[in-house]
Amino acid sequence: QVQLVESGGGLVQAGGSLRLSCAVSGYTFSSYAMGWFRQAPGKEREFVAMITRSGGSTYYSDSVKGRFTISRDNAKNTVYLQMNSLKPEDTAVYSCASTTRYCSGRGCYDARIYNDWGPGTQVTVSS
């Protein structure tokens, strides 16, 4: 059974940092590219970051580029999102997702290419 479980969310002051983790089980982790998305109240789900199977390529939305870093440890079946210089507008539920599809650039931003999703973890940034 495929399972993605996020952790690491919480309340942080603006300018602070958080590290999210997404533990994956039920399939060969290294065969899947992984993405992070977020959804704020009243807003549509938004692409945050994506990492390819080997970790050799990463993609970021303009809103987080330079502040967030996505990484993966295939030996631990886990993908991470290091979030620095957090802003109140980063407040959202953050979810990880996996895909078998090949993509590059903005093609990786489309949530429809992702097959499985975690339930999400809440990140709240206070001003």
Foldseek 3Di string as FASTA:
>chain_A
DWAKAKDWADEEAAQAKIKMKIAIDDDQLLLKKKFKWWDDPPGDIWGAKIAHSVRPDMDGDPVQPPFWDWGDDSVRRMIMIIGGRDDQVVWTWMKMFIANDDDDDCRVGDPVRTDDMHPTDTHGYHD
